[in-house]
Amino acid sequence: MSVPARVTLYSRPGCHLCDDARVVIERVCADLGTSYVEVSIDDDPVLRERYGEEIPVTLVDGRQHDFWRVDEQRLRAALSS
């Protein structure tokens, strides 16, 4: 049985802020031994409508944590609690 990802990154292809966010999320998740999943908002009209102007959006344990930029220390703190 797999453990669900604690971090979700909503993104879209070609988004440079999404690329930056992914680097931070990958580093933090690797350091803390947790997983993340990336979802393209372009694949879901509801997500595109909800998050279109805010991407990248980061969720931790299903709750919105950051948008536009990912603060590494803040993400580490959220995942350590």
PDB file of N, CA and C in Angstrom:
ATOM      1  N   MET A   1       0.846  -1.181   0.000  1.00  0.00           N
ATOM      2  CA  MET A   1       0.000   0.000   0.000  1.00  0.00           C
ATOM      3  C   MET A   1       0.889   1.242   0.000  1.00  0.00           C
ATOM      4  N   SER A   2       0.686   2.127  -0.940  1.00  0.00           N
ATOM      5  CA  SER A   2       1.527   3.317  -1.030  1.00  0.00           C
ATOM      6  C   SER A   2       0.943   4.442  -0.178  1.00  0.00           C
ATOM      7  N   VAL A   3       1.826   5.268   0.312  1.00  0.00           N
ATOM      8  CA  VAL A   3       1.443   6.419   1.113  1.00  0.00           C
ATOM      9  C   VAL A   3       1.162   7.579   0.169  1.00  0.00           C
ATOM     10  N   PRO A   4       0.031   8.274   0.353  1.00  0.00           N
ATOM     11  CA  PRO A   4      -0.258   9.392  -0.541  1.00  0.00           C
ATOM     12  C   PRO A   4       0.768  10.516  -0.370  1.00  0.00           C
ATOM     13  N   ALA A   5       1.001  11.228  -1.443  1.00  0.00           N
ATOM     14  CA  ALA A   5       1.954  12.339  -1.417  1.00  0.00           C
ATOM     15  C   ALA A   5       1.447  13.421  -0.470  1.00  0.00           C
ATOM     16  N   ARG A   6       2.348  13.970   0.315  1.00  0.00           N
ATOM     17  CA  ARG A   6       1.981  15.058   1.229  1.00  0.00           C
ATOM     18  C   ARG A   6       1.956  16.403   0.519  1.00  0.00           C
ATOM     19  N   VAL A   7       2.707  16.511  -0.584  1.00  0.00           N
ATOM     20  CA  VAL A   7       2.810  17.782  -1.308  1.00  0.00           C
ATOM     21  C   VAL A   7       2.237  17.613  -2.708  1.00  0.00           C
ATOM     22  N   THR A   8       1.412  18.566  -3.102  1.00  0.00           N
ATOM     23  CA  THR A   8       0.888  18.614  -4.463  1.00  0.00           C
ATOM     24  C   THR A   8       1.333  19.932  -5.077  1.00  0.00           C
ATOM     25  N   LEU A   9       1.879  19.843  -6.281  1.00  0.00           N
ATOM     26  CA  LEU A   9       2.269  21.034  -7.034  1.00  0.00           C
ATOM     27  C   LEU A   9       1.349  21.152  -8.230  1.00  0.00           C
ATOM     28  N   TYR A  10       0.532  22.196  -8.252  1.00  0.00           N
ATOM     29  CA  TYR A  10      -0.274  22.492  -9.429  1.00  0.00           C
ATOM     30  C   TYR A  10       0.555  23.405 -10.321  1.00  0.00           C
ATOM     31  N   SER A  11       0.699  23.006 -11.574  1.00  0.00           N
ATOM     32  CA  SER A  11       1.586  23.722 -12.492  1.00  0.00           C
ATOM     33  C   SER A  11       1.013  23.682 -13.897  1.00  0.00           C
ATOM     34  N   ARG A  12       1.799  24.198 -14.829  1.00  0.00           N
ATOM     35  CA  ARG A  12       1.479  24.069 -16.258  1.00  0.00           C
ATOM     36  C   ARG A  12       2.788  24.065 -17.027  1.00  0.00           C
ATOM     37  N   PRO A  13       2.809  23.369 -18.153  1.00  0.00           N
ATOM     38  CA  PRO A  13       4.026  23.316 -18.967  1.00  0.00           C
ATOM     39  C   PRO A  13       4.451  24.714 -19.411  1.00  0.00           C
ATOM     40  N   GLY A  14       5.772  24.931 -19.429  1.00  0.00           N
ATOM     41  CA  GLY A  14       6.309  26.197 -19.904  1.00  0.00           C
ATOM     42  C   GLY A  14       6.302  27.313 -18.882  1.00  0.00           C
ATOM     43  N   CYS A  15       5.933  27.014 -17.658  1.00  0.00           N
ATOM     44  CA  CYS A  15       5.859  28.021 -16.601  1.00  0.00           C
ATOM     45  C   CYS A  15       7.196  28.060 -15.847  1.00  0.00           C
ATOM     46  N   HIS A  16       7.942  29.169 -15.965  1.00  0.00           N
ATOM     47  CA  HIS A  16       9.255  29.232 -15.308  1.00  0.00           C
ATOM     48  C   HIS A  16       9.142  29.247 -13.789  1.00  0.00           C
ATOM     49  N   LEU A  17       8.086  29.853 -13.243  1.00  0.00           N
ATOM     50  CA  LEU A  17       7.896  29.816 -11.789  1.00  0.00           C
ATOM     51  C   LEU A  17       7.612  28.389 -11.318  1.00  0.00           C
ATOM     52  N   CYS A  18       6.913  27.622 -12.151  1.00  0.00           N
ATOM     53  CA  CYS A  18       6.648  26.215 -11.826  1.00  0.00           C
ATOM     54  C   CYS A  18       7.953  25.426 -11.797  1.00  0.00           C
ATOM     55  N   ASP A  19       8.830  25.717 -12.747  1.00  0.00           N
ATOM     56  CA  ASP A  19      10.135  25.057 -12.781  1.00  0.00           C
ATOM     57  C   ASP A  19      10.921  25.369 -11.503  1.00  0.00           C
ATOM     58  N   ASP A  20      10.896  26.624 -11.075  1.00  0.00           N
ATOM     59  CA  ASP A  20      11.593  27.023  -9.847  1.00  0.00           C
ATOM     60  C   ASP A  20      10.991  26.323  -8.634  1.00  0.00           C
ATOM     61  N   ALA A  21       9.670  26.286  -8.571  1.00  0.00           N
ATOM     62  CA  ALA A  21       8.988  25.650  -7.447  1.00  0.00           C
ATOM     63  C   ALA A  21       9.319  24.159  -7.379  1.00  0.00           C
ATOM     64  N   ARG A  22       9.340  23.508  -8.527  1.00  0.00           N
ATOM     65  CA  ARG A  22       9.631  22.072  -8.593  1.00  0.00           C
ATOM     66  C   ARG A  22      11.008  21.762  -8.003  1.00  0.00           C
ATOM     67  N   VAL A  23      11.996  22.591  -8.311  1.00  0.00           N
ATOM     68  CA  VAL A  23      13.351  22.377  -7.792  1.00  0.00           C
ATOM     69  C   VAL A  23      13.349  22.410  -6.263  1.00  0.00           C
ATOM     70  N   VAL A  24      12.681  23.396  -5.690  1.00  0.00           N
ATOM     71  CA  VAL A  24      12.621  23.526  -4.232  1.00  0.00           C
ATOM     72  C   VAL A  24      11.865  22.339  -3.629  1.00  0.00           C
ATOM     73  N   ILE A  25      10.720  22.004  -4.201  1.00  0.00           N
ATOM     74  CA  ILE A  25       9.906  20.909  -3.676  1.00  0.00           C
ATOM     75  C   ILE A  25      10.658  19.585  -3.761  1.00  0.00           C
ATOM     76  N   GLU A  26      11.305  19.336  -4.885  1.00  0.00           N
ATOM     77  CA  GLU A  26      12.079  18.086  -5.025  1.00  0.00           C
ATOM     78  C   GLU A  26      13.166  17.994  -3.973  1.00  0.00           C
ATOM     79  N   ARG A  27      13.874  19.096  -3.740  1.00  0.00           N
ATOM     80  CA  ARG A  27      14.961  19.103  -2.759  1.00  0.00           C
ATOM     81  C   ARG A  27      14.429  18.853  -1.343  1.00  0.00           C
ATOM     82  N   VAL A  28      13.386  19.563  -0.960  1.00  0.00           N
ATOM     83  CA  VAL A  28      12.839  19.428   0.386  1.00  0.00           C
ATOM     84  C   VAL A  28      12.261  18.032   0.593  1.00  0.00           C
ATOM     85  N   CYS A  29      11.501  17.547  -0.368  1.00  0.00           N
ATOM     86  CA  CYS A  29      10.905  16.219  -0.230  1.00  0.00           C
ATOM     87  C   CYS A  29      11.974  15.131  -0.166  1.00  0.00           C
ATOM     88  N   ALA A  30      13.026  15.263  -0.956  1.00  0.00           N
ATOM     89  CA  ALA A  30      14.116  14.282  -0.919  1.00  0.00           C
ATOM     90  C   ALA A  30      14.814  14.316   0.435  1.00  0.00           C
ATOM     91  N   ASP A  31      15.077  15.499   0.942  1.00  0.00           N
ATOM     92  CA  ASP A  31      15.743  15.640   2.239  1.00  0.00           C
ATOM     93  C   ASP A  31      14.909  15.050   3.373  1.00  0.00           C
ATOM     94  N   LEU A  32      13.589  15.218   3.303  1.00  0.00           N
ATOM     95  CA  LEU A  32      12.711  14.792   4.390  1.00  0.00           C
ATOM     96  C   LEU A  32      12.103  13.410   4.169  1.00  0.00           C
ATOM     97  N   GLY A  33      12.394  12.804   3.025  1.00  0.00           N
ATOM     98  CA  GLY A  33      11.886  11.460   2.750  1.00  0.00           C
ATOM     99  C   GLY A  33      10.386  11.404   2.538  1.00  0.00           C
ATOM    100  N   THR A  34       9.841  12.455   1.969  1.00  0.00           N
ATOM    101  CA  THR A  34       8.409  12.472   1.665  1.00  0.00           C
ATOM    102  C   THR A  34       8.239  12.584   0.153  1.00  0.00           C
ATOM    103  N   SER A  35       7.038  12.406  -0.303  1.00  0.00           N
ATOM    104  CA  SER A  35       6.793  12.414  -1.737  1.00  0.00           C
ATOM    105  C   SER A  35       5.951  13.620  -2.138  1.00  0.00           C
ATOM    106  N   TYR A  36       5.972  13.879  -3.440  1.00  0.00           N
ATOM    107  CA  TYR A  36       5.112  14.924  -3.977  1.00  0.00           C
ATOM    108  C   TYR A  36       4.552  14.448  -5.306  1.00  0.00           C
ATOM    109  N   VAL A  37       3.478  15.088  -5.702  1.00  0.00           N
ATOM    110  CA  VAL A  37       2.868  14.804  -6.991  1.00  0.00           C
ATOM    111  C   VAL A  37       2.684  16.143  -7.705  1.00  0.00           C
ATOM    112  N   GLU A  38       2.887  16.120  -9.010  1.00  0.00           N
ATOM    113  CA  GLU A  38       2.691  17.330  -9.807  1.00  0.00           C
ATOM    114  C   GLU A  38       1.503  17.123 -10.726  1.00  0.00           C
ATOM    115  N   VAL A  39       0.614  18.123 -10.764  1.00  0.00           N
ATOM    116  CA  VAL A  39      -0.601  18.051 -11.563  1.00  0.00           C
ATOM    117  C   VAL A  39      -0.649  19.266 -12.474  1.00  0.00           C
ATOM    118  N   SER A  40      -0.807  19.035 -13.761  1.00  0.00           N
ATOM    119  CA  SER A  40      -0.945  20.142 -14.706  1.00  0.00           C
ATOM    120  C   SER A  40      -2.379  20.648 -14.677  1.00  0.00           C
ATOM    121  N   ILE A  41      -2.539  21.939 -14.407  1.00  0.00           N
ATOM    122  CA  ILE A  41      -3.887  22.495 -14.387  1.00  0.00           C
ATOM    123  C   ILE A  41      -4.497  22.521 -15.782  1.00  0.00           C
ATOM    124  N   ASP A  42      -3.660  22.418 -16.813  1.00  0.00           N
ATOM    125  CA  ASP A  42      -4.175  22.419 -18.182  1.00  0.00           C
ATOM    126  C   ASP A  42      -4.967  21.153 -18.500  1.00  0.00           C
ATOM    127  N   ASP A  43      -4.801  20.108 -17.675  1.00  0.00           N
ATOM    128  CA  ASP A  43      -5.507  18.848 -17.908  1.00  0.00           C
ATOM    129  C   ASP A  43      -6.879  18.804 -17.250  1.00  0.00           C
ATOM    130  N   ASP A  44      -7.252  19.851 -16.499  1.00  0.00           N
ATOM    131  CA  ASP A  44      -8.508  19.844 -15.750  1.00  0.00           C
ATOM    132  C   ASP A  44      -9.114  21.242 -15.770  1.00  0.00           C
ATOM    133  N   PRO A  45     -10.271  21.406 -16.431  1.00  0.00           N
ATOM    134  CA  PRO A  45     -10.880  22.739 -16.540  1.00  0.00           C
ATOM    135  C   PRO A  45     -11.198  23.371 -15.190  1.00  0.00           C
ATOM    136  N   VAL A  46     -11.557  22.568 -14.200  1.00  0.00           N
ATOM    137  CA  VAL A  46     -11.867  23.106 -12.872  1.00  0.00           C
ATOM    138  C   VAL A  46     -10.607  23.675 -12.223  1.00  0.00           C
ATOM    139  N   LEU A  47      -9.512  22.926 -12.307  1.00  0.00           N
ATOM    140  CA  LEU A  47      -8.247  23.415 -11.751  1.00  0.00           C
ATOM    141  C   LEU A  47      -7.760  24.641 -12.505  1.00  0.00           C
ATOM    142  N   ARG A  48      -7.897  24.634 -13.819  1.00  0.00           N
ATOM    143  CA  ARG A  48      -7.468  25.774 -14.631  1.00  0.00           C
ATOM    144  C   ARG A  48      -8.238  27.033 -14.233  1.00  0.00           C
ATOM    145  N   GLU A  49      -9.530  26.894 -14.007  1.00  0.00           N
ATOM    146  CA  GLU A  49     -10.359  28.030 -13.594  1.00  0.00           C
ATOM    147  C   GLU A  49      -9.966  28.507 -12.196  1.00  0.00           C
ATOM    148  N   ARG A  50      -9.737  27.580 -11.300  1.00  0.00           N
ATOM    149  CA  ARG A  50      -9.438  27.917  -9.898  1.00  0.00           C
ATOM    150  C   ARG A  50      -8.036  28.517  -9.731  1.00  0.00           C
ATOM    151  N   TYR A  51      -7.038  27.935 -10.377  1.00  0.00           N
ATOM    152  CA  TYR A  51      -5.645  28.296 -10.111  1.00  0.00           C
ATOM    153  C   TYR A  51      -4.939  28.988 -11.272  1.00  0.00           C
ATOM    154  N   GLY A  52      -5.637  29.294 -12.347  1.00  0.00           N
ATOM    155  CA  GLY A  52      -5.007  29.803 -13.564  1.00  0.00           C
ATOM    156  C   GLY A  52      -4.084  30.987 -13.386  1.00  0.00           C
ATOM    157  N   GLU A  53      -4.406  31.902 -12.488  1.00  0.00           N
ATOM    158  CA  GLU A  53      -3.599  33.107 -12.300  1.00  0.00           C
ATOM    159  C   GLU A  53      -2.637  33.001 -11.119  1.00  0.00           C
ATOM    160  N   GLU A  54      -2.643  31.878 -10.419  1.00  0.00           N
ATOM    161  CA  GLU A  54      -1.835  31.749  -9.203  1.00  0.00           C
ATOM    162  C   GLU A  54      -0.704  30.738  -9.312  1.00  0.00           C
ATOM    163  N   ILE A  55      -0.611  30.004 -10.419  1.00  0.00           N
ATOM    164  CA  ILE A  55       0.370  28.924 -10.472  1.00  0.00           C
ATOM    165  C   ILE A  55       1.791  29.454 -10.407  1.00  0.00           C
ATOM    166  N   PRO A  56       2.681  28.675  -9.878  1.00  0.00           N
ATOM    167  CA  PRO A  56       2.432  27.373  -9.276  1.00  0.00           C
ATOM    168  C   PRO A  56       1.748  27.516  -7.919  1.00  0.00           C
ATOM    169  N   VAL A  57       0.944  26.528  -7.597  1.00  0.00           N
ATOM    170  CA  VAL A  57       0.280  26.456  -6.305  1.00  0.00           C
ATOM    171  C   VAL A  57       0.762  25.188  -5.623  1.00  0.00           C
ATOM    172  N   THR A  58       1.134  25.322  -4.355  1.00  0.00           N
ATOM    173  CA  THR A  58       1.604  24.184  -3.575  1.00  0.00           C
ATOM    174  C   THR A  58       0.606  23.888  -2.471  1.00  0.00           C
ATOM    175  N   LEU A  59       0.223  22.624  -2.368  1.00  0.00           N
ATOM    176  CA  LEU A  59      -0.631  22.165  -1.278  1.00  0.00           C
ATOM    177  C   LEU A  59       0.187  21.233  -0.398  1.00  0.00           C
ATOM    178  N   VAL A  60      -0.017  21.331   0.903  1.00  0.00           N
ATOM    179  CA  VAL A  60       0.582  20.402   1.860  1.00  0.00           C
ATOM    180  C   VAL A  60      -0.564  19.748   2.607  1.00  0.00           C
ATOM    181  N   ASP A  61      -0.596  18.434   2.554  1.00  0.00           N
ATOM    182  CA  ASP A  61      -1.659  17.659   3.198  1.00  0.00           C
ATOM    183  C   ASP A  61      -3.044  18.160   2.790  1.00  0.00           C
ATOM    184  N   GLY A  62      -3.167  18.516   1.494  1.00  0.00           N
ATOM    185  CA  GLY A  62      -4.458  18.898   0.944  1.00  0.00           C
ATOM    186  C   GLY A  62      -4.872  20.341   1.153  1.00  0.00           C
ATOM    187  N   ARG A  63      -4.054  21.126   1.844  1.00  0.00           N
ATOM    188  CA  ARG A  63      -4.380  22.531   2.090  1.00  0.00           C
ATOM    189  C   ARG A  63      -3.394  23.424   1.348  1.00  0.00           C
ATOM    190  N   GLN A  64      -3.917  24.529   0.782  1.00  0.00           N
ATOM    191  CA  GLN A  64      -3.041  25.433   0.042  1.00  0.00           C
ATOM    192  C   GLN A  64      -1.978  25.999   0.964  1.00  0.00           C
ATOM    193  N   HIS A  65      -0.737  25.929   0.503  1.00  0.00           N
ATOM    194  CA  HIS A  65       0.402  26.349   1.307  1.00  0.00           C
ATOM    195  C   HIS A  65       1.066  27.592   0.714  1.00  0.00           C
ATOM    196  N   ASP A  66       1.326  27.597  -0.574  1.00  0.00           N
ATOM    197  CA  ASP A  66       1.993  28.705  -1.258  1.00  0.00           C
ATOM    198  C   ASP A  66       1.426  28.850  -2.660  1.00  0.00           C
ATOM    199  N   PHE A  67       1.643  30.016  -3.243  1.00  0.00           N
ATOM    200  CA  PHE A  67       1.429  30.186  -4.676  1.00  0.00           C
ATOM    201  C   PHE A  67       2.471  31.155  -5.198  1.00  0.00           C
ATOM    202  N   TRP A  68       2.751  31.070  -6.476  1.00  0.00           N
ATOM    203  CA  TRP A  68       3.780  31.808  -7.213  1.00  0.00           C
ATOM    204  C   TRP A  68       5.185  31.399  -6.818  1.00  0.00           C
ATOM    205  N   ARG A  69       5.551  31.467  -5.576  1.00  0.00           N
ATOM    206  CA  ARG A  69       6.892  31.103  -5.109  1.00  0.00           C
ATOM    207  C   ARG A  69       6.768  30.106  -3.958  1.00  0.00           C
ATOM    208  N   VAL A  70       7.748  29.217  -3.848  1.00  0.00           N
ATOM    209  CA  VAL A  70       7.786  28.282  -2.732  1.00  0.00           C
ATOM    210  C   VAL A  70       8.916  28.703  -1.802  1.00  0.00           C
ATOM    211  N   ASP A  71       8.565  28.999  -0.566  1.00  0.00           N
ATOM    212  CA  ASP A  71       9.552  29.351   0.446  1.00  0.00           C
ATOM    213  C   ASP A  71      10.071  28.050   1.062  1.00  0.00           C
ATOM    214  N   GLU A  72      11.355  27.774   0.835  1.00  0.00           N
ATOM    215  CA  GLU A  72      11.917  26.492   1.248  1.00  0.00           C
ATOM    216  C   GLU A  72      11.802  26.263   2.755  1.00  0.00           C
ATOM    217  N   GLN A  73      12.140  27.255   3.554  1.00  0.00           N
ATOM    218  CA  GLN A  73      12.089  27.080   5.014  1.00  0.00           C
ATOM    219  C   GLN A  73      10.655  26.874   5.497  1.00  0.00           C
ATOM    220  N   ARG A  74       9.734  27.596   4.915  1.00  0.00           N
ATOM    221  CA  ARG A  74       8.323  27.446   5.291  1.00  0.00           C
ATOM    222  C   ARG A  74       7.806  26.056   4.930  1.00  0.00           C
ATOM    223  N   LEU A  75       8.198  25.566   3.761  1.00  0.00           N
ATOM    224  CA  LEU A  75       7.792  24.220   3.343  1.00  0.00           C
ATOM    225  C   LEU A  75       8.393  23.170   4.265  1.00  0.00           C
ATOM    226  N   ARG A  76       9.680  23.313   4.589  1.00  0.00           N
ATOM    227  CA  ARG A  76      10.317  22.375   5.522  1.00  0.00           C
ATOM    228  C   ARG A  76       9.581  22.349   6.870  1.00  0.00           C
ATOM    229  N   ALA A  77       9.243  23.523   7.367  1.00  0.00           N
ATOM    230  CA  ALA A  77       8.549  23.604   8.652  1.00  0.00           C
ATOM    231  C   ALA A  77       7.186  22.928   8.586  1.00  0.00           C
ATOM    232  N   ALA A  78       6.458  23.142   7.501  1.00  0.00           N
ATOM    233  CA  ALA A  78       5.129  22.528   7.354  1.00  0.00           C
ATOM    234  C   ALA A  78       5.222  21.009   7.300  1.00  0.00           C
ATOM    235  N   LEU A  79       6.244  20.507   6.628  1.00  0.00           N
ATOM    236  CA  LEU A  79       6.384  19.053   6.493  1.00  0.00           C
ATOM    237  C   LEU A  79       7.000  18.411   7.729  1.00  0.00           C
ATOM    238  N   SER A  80       7.599  19.199   8.579  1.00  0.00           N
ATOM    239  CA  SER A  80       8.213  18.664   9.790  1.00  0.00           C
ATOM    240  C   SER A  80       7.260  18.632  10.967  1.00  0.00           C
ATOM    241  N   SER A  81       6.125  19.297  10.825  1.00  0.00           N
ATOM    242  CA  SER A  81       5.173  19.356  11.947  1.00  0.00           C
ATOM    243  C   SER A  81       4.225  18.179  11.933  1.00  0.00           C
TER     244      SER A  81
END
